[in-house]
Structure formats: C-alpha cells, structure tokens
Amino acid sequence: MIRRARPADRAALVALMTESNGYEAPAARAMIAAFVARWTFGESDEVWLDEADGAVMGFHQLIPHGGAVRELDLFFTANAAQGRGVGRRLFGHMAQRARALGATAVIISSNPEAANFYRRMGAVDVGVSPPVDEITWERPKLRLELA
C-alpha cells in the first residue's frame, strides 16, 4: 500500500536510507549518514512510502524544480524488496503524483548505481550533476517526460 509519509515515519525512512546497498562505499556511506542527520519533512511534503505488513518497502520524495518540472529528490527501495516490483510501483506512483501537481517532466540526479533502473522506467540522460556538499562524485542527470 502506498501512502503519504508522516513525520512519525522518519525513523523507518532513515533506516532504509542508511542500510541501502546503493551506498556501501565508505564515501557514499558517510554522505548518506550526514544527509539523514539533517533530513526532515512535514505532513504536506511530497514524501510517499510503500508499506507491506507494517514494514516500509520503499519511498520517494518529489520537490519543486522550477516551472512545470519536479525533481525526484529521494527514491529508495528496501534491500529485501529489490527485484520484486516495489521500485516499479513506486516510480509509477511518483510519476502520477508529479502529473497531479502539474508537472510535465521530472528531473532525476541519480545514484550511479540506480541510473539503469530510471532508464528502464523511461527517463533519458540529459547531462551530469556535479558534486555538491557531501556528494563528492558526479551523478547521471536524467529527465522523465510526463505525457
């Protein structure tokens, strides 16, 4: 079941991020630890989670990017849920929410490990996001057109 995340869900979402197998390298692990220490969201933020039997299977967060474009700021699938359709379901929900918010496209600065997933979902490469703050590596930048 996909539902809007509540601030009370923060601990579960932080655990999912910090345990992600997409951030196993020491620099990546340090980056995600620094990020989650300051990450917060409110009731009205576009943070949505997929839950099964009380466990968070994954989540996404959309943020404004300018004009009729949204940015997929966060997208995580629990390690144990990968390969079971959770990511595809969440990605479809994310695109649906972006459309409902009036977006015509979604920008994604991807973890290099996840870029092929986004390509399979229909996003195309449009450049590279440079290092910023704790992220010391370039990231593929993709764009999903919302028809």
N, C-alpha and C. Protein backbone atom coordinates (compact mmCIF):
# COMPACT_ATOMS: atom_id res chain seq x y z
N MET A 1 0.84 -1.18 0.00
CA MET A 1 0.00 0.00 0.00
C MET A 1 0.89 1.25 0.00
N ILE A 2 0.62 2.16 -0.91
CA ILE A 2 1.36 3.42 -0.96
C ILE A 2 0.53 4.47 -0.25
N ARG A 3 1.19 5.19 0.65
CA ARG A 3 0.51 6.26 1.40
C ARG A 3 1.49 7.40 1.63
N ARG A 4 0.94 8.56 1.95
CA ARG A 4 1.78 9.71 2.27
C ARG A 4 2.52 9.42 3.57
N ALA A 5 3.79 9.72 3.60
CA ALA A 5 4.57 9.53 4.81
C ALA A 5 4.23 10.62 5.82
N ARG A 6 4.31 10.25 7.09
CA ARG A 6 4.09 11.19 8.19
C ARG A 6 5.42 11.38 8.91
N PRO A 7 5.60 12.52 9.57
CA PRO A 7 6.85 12.73 10.32
C PRO A 7 7.19 11.56 11.26
N ALA A 8 6.18 10.87 11.78
CA ALA A 8 6.43 9.72 12.66
C ALA A 8 7.10 8.57 11.92
N ASP A 9 7.07 8.58 10.58
CA ASP A 9 7.72 7.55 9.77
C ASP A 9 9.21 7.82 9.55
N ARG A 10 9.69 8.98 9.98
CA ARG A 10 11.06 9.39 9.67
C ARG A 10 12.09 8.33 10.07
N ALA A 11 11.99 7.76 11.25
CA ALA A 11 12.99 6.78 11.71
C ALA A 11 13.06 5.59 10.75
N ALA A 12 11.92 5.10 10.28
CA ALA A 12 11.92 3.97 9.35
C ALA A 12 12.53 4.37 8.01
N LEU A 13 12.26 5.58 7.55
CA LEU A 13 12.81 6.03 6.28
C LEU A 13 14.31 6.26 6.38
N VAL A 14 14.75 6.81 7.50
CA VAL A 14 16.19 7.00 7.73
C VAL A 14 16.90 5.64 7.76
N ALA A 15 16.31 4.67 8.43
CA ALA A 15 16.91 3.33 8.48
C ALA A 15 17.02 2.74 7.08
N LEU A 16 15.99 2.91 6.28
CA LEU A 16 16.02 2.40 4.92
C LEU A 16 17.16 3.04 4.13
N MET A 17 17.34 4.35 4.27
CA MET A 17 18.42 5.05 3.55
C MET A 17 19.79 4.60 4.04
N THR A 18 19.98 4.54 5.34
CA THR A 18 21.31 4.23 5.86
C THR A 18 21.71 2.78 5.62
N GLU A 19 20.73 1.91 5.46
CA GLU A 19 21.02 0.49 5.20
C GLU A 19 21.07 0.16 3.72
N SER A 20 20.82 1.13 2.85
CA SER A 20 20.73 0.88 1.42
C SER A 20 22.02 0.30 0.85
N ASN A 21 21.87 -0.76 0.05
CA ASN A 21 23.04 -1.35 -0.58
C ASN A 21 23.58 -0.48 -1.72
N GLY A 22 22.92 0.60 -2.04
CA GLY A 22 23.42 1.55 -3.04
C GLY A 22 24.44 2.51 -2.47
N TYR A 23 24.68 2.45 -1.17
CA TYR A 23 25.61 3.37 -0.51
C TYR A 23 26.59 2.60 0.38
N GLU A 24 27.20 1.56 -0.18
CA GLU A 24 28.10 0.72 0.61
C GLU A 24 29.54 1.24 0.65
N ALA A 25 29.97 1.97 -0.37
CA ALA A 25 31.33 2.52 -0.38
C ALA A 25 31.48 3.50 0.77
N PRO A 26 32.66 3.58 1.39
CA PRO A 26 32.83 4.46 2.56
C PRO A 26 32.42 5.91 2.33
N ALA A 27 32.79 6.50 1.19
CA ALA A 27 32.42 7.90 0.93
C ALA A 27 30.90 8.04 0.80
N ALA A 28 30.26 7.08 0.16
CA ALA A 28 28.81 7.11 -0.01
C ALA A 28 28.12 6.91 1.34
N ARG A 29 28.64 6.01 2.15
CA ARG A 29 28.05 5.75 3.47
C ARG A 29 28.15 7.02 4.33
N ALA A 30 29.30 7.71 4.27
CA ALA A 30 29.48 8.95 5.04
C ALA A 30 28.53 10.03 4.54
N MET A 31 28.34 10.11 3.23
CA MET A 31 27.45 11.12 2.66
C MET A 31 26.02 10.89 3.14
N ILE A 32 25.54 9.65 3.06
CA ILE A 32 24.15 9.40 3.44
C ILE A 32 23.95 9.60 4.94
N ALA A 33 24.96 9.27 5.74
CA ALA A 33 24.87 9.49 7.19
C ALA A 33 24.74 10.98 7.50
N ALA A 34 25.53 11.81 6.82
CA ALA A 34 25.45 13.26 7.04
C ALA A 34 24.10 13.80 6.57
N PHE A 35 23.61 13.29 5.45
CA PHE A 35 22.34 13.75 4.92
C PHE A 35 21.18 13.42 5.87
N VAL A 36 21.09 12.17 6.30
CA VAL A 36 19.94 11.78 7.12
C VAL A 36 19.94 12.47 8.48
N ALA A 37 21.10 12.90 8.94
CA ALA A 37 21.16 13.58 10.23
C ALA A 37 20.38 14.89 10.21
N ARG A 38 20.25 15.51 9.04
CA ARG A 38 19.55 16.80 8.95
C ARG A 38 18.25 16.73 8.16
N TRP A 39 17.90 15.58 7.59
CA TRP A 39 16.72 15.46 6.74
C TRP A 39 15.45 15.43 7.58
N THR A 40 14.52 16.29 7.22
CA THR A 40 13.20 16.32 7.85
C THR A 40 12.16 16.55 6.76
N PHE A 41 10.93 16.30 7.10
CA PHE A 41 9.84 16.60 6.18
C PHE A 41 8.58 16.81 7.01
N GLY A 42 7.61 17.49 6.42
CA GLY A 42 6.36 17.77 7.11
C GLY A 42 5.20 17.01 6.48
N GLU A 43 4.05 17.12 7.12
CA GLU A 43 2.83 16.42 6.67
C GLU A 43 2.46 16.74 5.23
N SER A 44 2.73 17.96 4.78
CA SER A 44 2.32 18.35 3.44
C SER A 44 3.39 18.13 2.38
N ASP A 45 4.58 17.69 2.77
CA ASP A 45 5.64 17.43 1.79
C ASP A 45 5.29 16.22 0.95
N GLU A 46 5.81 16.16 -0.25
CA GLU A 46 5.54 15.07 -1.18
C GLU A 46 6.48 13.90 -0.90
N VAL A 47 6.29 13.28 0.25
CA VAL A 47 7.04 12.07 0.63
C VAL A 47 6.00 10.96 0.74
N TRP A 48 6.19 9.91 -0.04
CA TRP A 48 5.24 8.80 -0.12
C TRP A 48 5.99 7.50 0.11
N LEU A 49 5.36 6.58 0.84
CA LEU A 49 6.03 5.31 1.12
C LEU A 49 5.16 4.14 0.71
N ASP A 50 5.82 3.05 0.42
CA ASP A 50 5.16 1.78 0.13
C ASP A 50 5.35 0.91 1.36
N GLU A 51 4.25 0.40 1.88
CA GLU A 51 4.26 -0.33 3.14
C GLU A 51 3.58 -1.69 2.94
N ALA A 52 4.17 -2.73 3.52
CA ALA A 52 3.56 -4.06 3.48
C ALA A 52 3.72 -4.69 4.86
N ASP A 53 2.61 -5.08 5.44
CA ASP A 53 2.62 -5.71 6.78
C ASP A 53 3.37 -4.85 7.81
N GLY A 54 3.18 -3.53 7.72
CA GLY A 54 3.79 -2.60 8.67
C GLY A 54 5.24 -2.27 8.41
N ALA A 55 5.84 -2.86 7.38
CA ALA A 55 7.25 -2.58 7.05
C ALA A 55 7.33 -1.65 5.84
N VAL A 56 8.24 -0.70 5.90
CA VAL A 56 8.44 0.21 4.77
C VAL A 56 9.27 -0.51 3.72
N MET A 57 8.69 -0.63 2.53
CA MET A 57 9.36 -1.32 1.42
C MET A 57 10.13 -0.35 0.53
N GLY A 58 9.77 0.93 0.60
CA GLY A 58 10.44 1.95 -0.20
C GLY A 58 9.72 3.27 -0.05
N PHE A 59 10.34 4.33 -0.60
CA PHE A 59 9.68 5.64 -0.56
C PHE A 59 10.28 6.55 -1.61
N HIS A 60 9.56 7.64 -1.90
CA HIS A 60 10.06 8.67 -2.80
C HIS A 60 9.67 10.04 -2.27
N GLN A 61 10.45 11.04 -2.70
CA GLN A 61 10.15 12.43 -2.37
C GLN A 61 10.30 13.26 -3.62
N LEU A 62 9.28 14.05 -3.92
CA LEU A 62 9.30 15.00 -5.02
C LEU A 62 9.43 16.41 -4.47
N ILE A 63 10.25 17.22 -5.14
CA ILE A 63 10.39 18.62 -4.75
C ILE A 63 10.24 19.49 -5.99
N PRO A 64 9.89 20.76 -5.82
CA PRO A 64 9.82 21.67 -6.97
C PRO A 64 11.20 21.83 -7.61
N HIS A 65 11.21 21.99 -8.93
CA HIS A 65 12.47 22.19 -9.64
C HIS A 65 12.43 23.46 -10.48
N GLY A 66 11.29 24.07 -10.59
CA GLY A 66 11.13 25.29 -11.37
C GLY A 66 10.15 25.08 -12.51
N GLY A 67 9.22 25.99 -12.65
CA GLY A 67 8.21 25.88 -13.69
C GLY A 67 7.37 24.63 -13.50
N ALA A 68 7.13 23.93 -14.60
CA ALA A 68 6.29 22.74 -14.57
C ALA A 68 7.13 21.47 -14.43
N VAL A 69 8.27 21.60 -13.75
CA VAL A 69 9.18 20.46 -13.56
C VAL A 69 9.30 20.18 -12.06
N ARG A 70 9.28 18.91 -11.73
CA ARG A 70 9.55 18.45 -10.36
C ARG A 70 10.88 17.71 -10.37
N GLU A 71 11.45 17.54 -9.19
CA GLU A 71 12.68 16.77 -9.05
C GLU A 71 12.42 15.59 -8.14
N LEU A 72 12.88 14.43 -8.56
CA LEU A 72 12.84 13.26 -7.70
C LEU A 72 14.03 13.39 -6.77
N ASP A 73 13.77 13.87 -5.57
CA ASP A 73 14.85 14.17 -4.62
C ASP A 73 15.35 12.90 -3.95
N LEU A 74 14.44 12.03 -3.58
CA LEU A 74 14.82 10.77 -2.92
C LEU A 74 13.99 9.64 -3.51
N PHE A 75 14.63 8.48 -3.68
CA PHE A 75 13.93 7.28 -4.14
C PHE A 75 14.71 6.09 -3.61
N PHE A 76 14.12 5.36 -2.70
CA PHE A 76 14.78 4.22 -2.07
C PHE A 76 13.84 3.03 -2.05
N THR A 77 14.39 1.86 -2.28
CA THR A 77 13.67 0.61 -2.14
C THR A 77 14.45 -0.23 -1.13
N ALA A 78 13.76 -0.83 -0.19
CA ALA A 78 14.43 -1.67 0.81
C ALA A 78 15.22 -2.77 0.10
N ASN A 79 16.39 -3.07 0.62
CA ASN A 79 17.24 -4.09 0.01
C ASN A 79 16.47 -5.39 -0.24
N ALA A 80 15.72 -5.83 0.74
CA ALA A 80 14.98 -7.09 0.63
C ALA A 80 13.85 -7.03 -0.37
N ALA A 81 13.42 -5.82 -0.74
CA ALA A 81 12.29 -5.67 -1.67
C ALA A 81 12.75 -5.49 -3.11
N GLN A 82 14.03 -5.35 -3.34
CA GLN A 82 14.52 -5.11 -4.70
C GLN A 82 14.28 -6.34 -5.57
N GLY A 83 13.87 -6.08 -6.81
CA GLY A 83 13.58 -7.15 -7.75
C GLY A 83 12.19 -7.73 -7.60
N ARG A 84 11.36 -7.11 -6.76
CA ARG A 84 10.01 -7.64 -6.50
C ARG A 84 8.90 -6.70 -6.99
N GLY A 85 9.26 -5.70 -7.79
CA GLY A 85 8.26 -4.79 -8.35
C GLY A 85 7.96 -3.57 -7.51
N VAL A 86 8.57 -3.46 -6.34
CA VAL A 86 8.30 -2.31 -5.46
C VAL A 86 8.79 -1.02 -6.12
N GLY A 87 10.00 -1.03 -6.66
CA GLY A 87 10.55 0.17 -7.30
C GLY A 87 9.70 0.61 -8.47
N ARG A 88 9.28 -0.34 -9.30
CA ARG A 88 8.43 -0.02 -10.45
C ARG A 88 7.11 0.60 -9.98
N ARG A 89 6.51 0.03 -8.94
CA ARG A 89 5.25 0.55 -8.40
C ARG A 89 5.45 1.96 -7.84
N LEU A 90 6.51 2.16 -7.08
CA LEU A 90 6.78 3.49 -6.52
C LEU A 90 7.07 4.51 -7.61
N PHE A 91 7.81 4.09 -8.63
CA PHE A 91 8.14 5.01 -9.72
C PHE A 91 6.87 5.44 -10.45
N GLY A 92 5.98 4.49 -10.70
CA GLY A 92 4.70 4.83 -11.32
C GLY A 92 3.90 5.79 -10.47
N HIS A 93 3.91 5.57 -9.15
CA HIS A 93 3.21 6.48 -8.24
C HIS A 93 3.83 7.86 -8.28
N MET A 94 5.17 7.91 -8.29
CA MET A 94 5.86 9.19 -8.33
C MET A 94 5.46 9.97 -9.58
N ALA A 95 5.43 9.31 -10.73
CA ALA A 95 5.05 9.99 -11.97
C ALA A 95 3.61 10.47 -11.90
N GLN A 96 2.74 9.67 -11.33
CA GLN A 96 1.33 10.05 -11.16
C GLN A 96 1.21 11.28 -10.26
N ARG A 97 1.95 11.31 -9.15
CA ARG A 97 1.91 12.47 -8.25
C ARG A 97 2.45 13.71 -8.95
N ALA A 98 3.54 13.56 -9.70
CA ALA A 98 4.10 14.71 -10.41
C ALA A 98 3.08 15.29 -11.38
N ARG A 99 2.41 14.43 -12.12
CA ARG A 99 1.35 14.89 -13.04
C ARG A 99 0.24 15.62 -12.27
N ALA A 100 -0.17 15.04 -11.14
CA ALA A 100 -1.24 15.66 -10.34
C ALA A 100 -0.83 17.03 -9.83
N LEU A 101 0.46 17.24 -9.66
CA LEU A 101 0.97 18.54 -9.20
C LEU A 101 1.21 19.50 -10.36
N GLY A 102 0.88 19.08 -11.58
CA GLY A 102 1.01 19.94 -12.75
C GLY A 102 2.33 19.84 -13.47
N ALA A 103 3.15 18.87 -13.13
CA ALA A 103 4.46 18.73 -13.76
C ALA A 103 4.34 18.13 -15.15
N THR A 104 5.21 18.57 -16.04
CA THR A 104 5.31 17.99 -17.38
C THR A 104 6.55 17.11 -17.49
N ALA A 105 7.44 17.20 -16.50
CA ALA A 105 8.67 16.39 -16.50
C ALA A 105 9.19 16.27 -15.08
N VAL A 106 10.03 15.25 -14.88
CA VAL A 106 10.71 15.05 -13.60
C VAL A 106 12.19 14.92 -13.89
N ILE A 107 12.99 15.68 -13.14
CA ILE A 107 14.45 15.60 -13.22
C ILE A 107 14.94 14.66 -12.13
N ILE A 108 15.94 13.85 -12.47
CA ILE A 108 16.49 12.88 -11.53
C ILE A 108 18.01 12.98 -11.56
N SER A 109 18.63 13.36 -10.44
CA SER A 109 20.08 13.26 -10.29
C SER A 109 20.31 11.94 -9.56
N SER A 110 20.77 10.96 -10.31
CA SER A 110 20.76 9.58 -9.84
C SER A 110 22.05 9.14 -9.18
N ASN A 111 21.88 8.29 -8.17
CA ASN A 111 23.00 7.49 -7.71
C ASN A 111 23.45 6.70 -8.95
N PRO A 112 24.74 6.70 -9.28
CA PRO A 112 25.18 5.96 -10.47
C PRO A 112 24.72 4.50 -10.48
N GLU A 113 24.59 3.91 -9.31
CA GLU A 113 24.15 2.50 -9.21
C GLU A 113 22.71 2.32 -9.65
N ALA A 114 21.90 3.38 -9.59
CA ALA A 114 20.47 3.27 -9.87
C ALA A 114 20.07 3.81 -11.25
N ALA A 115 21.00 4.41 -11.97
CA ALA A 115 20.66 5.07 -13.23
C ALA A 115 19.99 4.14 -14.24
N ASN A 116 20.43 2.90 -14.32
CA ASN A 116 19.81 1.98 -15.29
C ASN A 116 18.36 1.70 -14.96
N PHE A 117 18.01 1.66 -13.69
CA PHE A 117 16.61 1.50 -13.30
C PHE A 117 15.78 2.64 -13.88
N TYR A 118 16.24 3.88 -13.70
CA TYR A 118 15.49 5.03 -14.19
C TYR A 118 15.38 5.00 -15.72
N ARG A 119 16.45 4.57 -16.38
CA ARG A 119 16.39 4.44 -17.84
C ARG A 119 15.34 3.41 -18.25
N ARG A 120 15.27 2.30 -17.55
CA ARG A 120 14.25 1.29 -17.85
C ARG A 120 12.84 1.84 -17.63
N MET A 121 12.71 2.78 -16.73
CA MET A 121 11.40 3.38 -16.44
C MET A 121 11.05 4.49 -17.44
N GLY A 122 11.95 4.79 -18.38
CA GLY A 122 11.66 5.76 -19.42
C GLY A 122 12.40 7.07 -19.33
N ALA A 123 13.19 7.28 -18.30
CA ALA A 123 13.97 8.51 -18.18
C ALA A 123 15.15 8.46 -19.14
N VAL A 124 15.54 9.61 -19.65
CA VAL A 124 16.66 9.69 -20.59
C VAL A 124 17.75 10.59 -20.00
N ASP A 125 18.98 10.29 -20.35
CA ASP A 125 20.11 11.08 -19.88
C ASP A 125 20.08 12.47 -20.51
N VAL A 126 20.29 13.49 -19.66
CA VAL A 126 20.34 14.87 -20.15
C VAL A 126 21.60 15.58 -19.68
N GLY A 127 22.48 14.89 -18.98
CA GLY A 127 23.71 15.52 -18.51
C GLY A 127 24.25 14.83 -17.27
N VAL A 128 25.02 15.62 -16.53
CA VAL A 128 25.65 15.12 -15.31
C VAL A 128 25.47 16.16 -14.22
N SER A 129 25.10 15.71 -13.04
CA SER A 129 25.01 16.62 -11.88
C SER A 129 26.37 16.62 -11.20
N PRO A 130 26.96 17.81 -11.00
CA PRO A 130 28.29 17.87 -10.40
C PRO A 130 28.25 17.57 -8.90
N PRO A 131 29.41 17.32 -8.31
CA PRO A 131 29.48 17.14 -6.86
C PRO A 131 28.93 18.37 -6.14
N VAL A 132 28.25 18.13 -5.01
CA VAL A 132 27.73 19.22 -4.20
C VAL A 132 27.67 18.76 -2.75
N ASP A 133 28.06 19.62 -1.85
CA ASP A 133 28.06 19.32 -0.41
C ASP A 133 28.80 18.01 -0.14
N GLU A 134 28.14 17.05 0.52
CA GLU A 134 28.81 15.79 0.86
C GLU A 134 28.96 14.85 -0.32
N ILE A 135 28.24 15.11 -1.40
CA ILE A 135 28.31 14.23 -2.58
C ILE A 135 29.54 14.64 -3.38
N THR A 136 30.56 13.80 -3.32
CA THR A 136 31.86 14.15 -3.91
C THR A 136 32.06 13.53 -5.28
N TRP A 137 30.99 13.01 -5.89
CA TRP A 137 31.10 12.38 -7.20
C TRP A 137 30.01 12.93 -8.12
N GLU A 138 30.27 12.83 -9.44
CA GLU A 138 29.26 13.22 -10.41
C GLU A 138 28.15 12.18 -10.44
N ARG A 139 26.94 12.65 -10.78
CA ARG A 139 25.80 11.75 -10.87
C ARG A 139 25.12 11.90 -12.22
N PRO A 140 24.68 10.79 -12.80
CA PRO A 140 23.90 10.92 -14.04
C PRO A 140 22.65 11.77 -13.79
N LYS A 141 22.39 12.68 -14.70
CA LYS A 141 21.18 13.50 -14.61
C LYS A 141 20.23 13.04 -15.72
N LEU A 142 19.03 12.67 -15.32
CA LEU A 142 18.03 12.14 -16.26
C LEU A 142 16.77 12.98 -16.21
N ARG A 143 15.96 12.81 -17.24
CA ARG A 143 14.68 13.53 -17.32
C ARG A 143 13.60 12.55 -17.77
N LEU A 144 12.51 12.56 -17.06
CA LEU A 144 11.34 11.77 -17.40
C LEU A 144 10.27 12.72 -17.91
N GLU A 145 9.90 12.57 -19.17
CA GLU A 145 8.80 13.37 -19.73
C GLU A 145 7.49 12.73 -19.31
N LEU A 146 6.56 13.55 -18.88
CA LEU A 146 5.25 13.07 -18.45
C LEU A 146 4.23 13.39 -19.52
N ALA A 147 3.84 12.40 -20.28
CA ALA A 147 2.89 12.63 -21.38
C ALA A 147 1.48 12.69 -20.84
